[in-house]
Amino acid sequence: MTLSRAFWRAAGERAIRTFAQAFLAMVGFTAFDVLQADWAALLGVSTGAAVLSLMTSIVASEIGDKGTPSLVEEP
């Protein structure tokens, strides 16, 4: 399987949703003070979640032969 344009578009959409979910989870449902927020932590955790989402998409794409632990061909 190749990582096509459609794959990257779908993976990107999932990563954006994951970013938004993580951001909203960190903000919480309580009163949010824009001026006092720890923006570095909010963006850092949200970006990390988005990167993990992209990595999950790549791993789940089943690149390589099934049943082998890597992309290296068996002799």
Protein backbone atom coordinates (compact mmCIF):
# COMPACT_ATOMS: atom_id res chain seq x y z
CA MET A 1 0.00 0.00 0.00
CA THR A 2 1.26 3.44 -0.85
CA LEU A 3 0.64 6.53 1.19
CA SER A 4 -1.55 8.32 -1.33
CA ARG A 5 -2.93 11.82 -1.33
CA ALA A 6 -6.26 10.46 -0.04
CA PHE A 7 -4.43 8.74 2.83
CA TRP A 8 -2.67 11.95 3.89
CA ARG A 9 -5.88 13.96 3.62
CA ALA A 10 -7.78 11.51 5.85
CA ALA A 11 -4.85 11.26 8.27
CA GLY A 12 -4.60 15.05 8.41
CA GLU A 13 -8.30 15.40 9.15
CA ARG A 14 -8.00 12.86 11.98
CA ALA A 15 -4.95 14.70 13.36
CA ILE A 16 -6.80 18.04 13.32
CA ARG A 17 -9.75 16.49 15.16
CA THR A 18 -7.38 14.95 17.70
CA PHE A 19 -5.64 18.32 18.18
CA ALA A 20 -8.99 20.01 18.83
CA GLN A 21 -10.11 17.27 21.23
CA ALA A 22 -6.88 17.44 23.24
CA PHE A 23 -7.01 21.24 23.31
CA LEU A 24 -10.60 21.30 24.55
CA ALA A 25 -9.87 18.58 27.11
CA MET A 26 -6.99 20.64 28.52
CA VAL A 27 -9.11 23.80 28.63
CA GLY A 28 -11.92 21.98 30.38
CA PHE A 29 -15.48 23.08 30.92
CA THR A 30 -14.73 25.57 33.68
CA ALA A 31 -14.15 29.28 33.30
CA PHE A 32 -11.23 29.83 30.94
CA ASP A 33 -9.08 32.94 31.26
CA VAL A 34 -7.45 33.67 27.91
CA LEU A 35 -4.89 36.01 29.45
CA GLN A 36 -3.79 33.58 32.18
CA ALA A 37 -3.80 30.38 30.13
CA ASP A 38 -0.61 28.35 29.77
CA TRP A 39 -0.63 28.50 25.97
CA ALA A 40 2.68 26.67 25.60
CA ALA A 41 1.32 23.66 27.50
CA LEU A 42 -2.02 23.73 25.67
CA LEU A 43 -0.42 23.87 22.24
CA GLY A 44 2.34 21.42 23.17
CA VAL A 45 0.02 18.70 24.40
CA SER A 46 -2.41 19.24 21.52
CA THR A 47 0.37 19.13 18.93
CA GLY A 48 1.78 15.99 20.53
CA ALA A 49 -1.63 14.34 20.32
CA ALA A 50 -1.90 15.30 16.64
CA VAL A 51 1.54 13.81 15.90
CA LEU A 52 0.55 10.60 17.68
CA SER A 53 -2.61 10.51 15.57
CA LEU A 54 -0.54 10.77 12.36
CA MET A 55 1.80 8.05 13.58
CA THR A 56 -1.16 5.81 14.39
CA SER A 57 -2.54 6.38 10.89
CA ILE A 58 0.77 5.38 9.32
CA VAL A 59 1.15 2.28 11.49
CA ALA A 60 -2.46 1.24 10.84
CA SER A 61 -1.99 1.58 7.07
CA GLU A 62 -0.40 -1.89 6.97
CA ILE A 63 2.72 -0.95 5.05
CA GLY A 64 4.91 -3.96 4.39
CA ASP A 65 4.23 -7.67 4.58
CA LYS A 66 1.73 -8.96 7.11
CA GLY A 67 3.19 -11.12 9.83
CA THR A 68 6.63 -9.51 9.80
CA PRO A 69 7.84 -7.11 12.49
CA SER A 70 9.38 -4.66 10.03
CA LEU A 71 9.42 -3.53 6.44
CA VAL A 72 12.53 -5.62 5.75
CA GLU A 73 12.00 -8.63 3.54
CA GLU A 74 12.69 -12.01 5.04
CA PRO A 75 15.50 -14.00 3.35
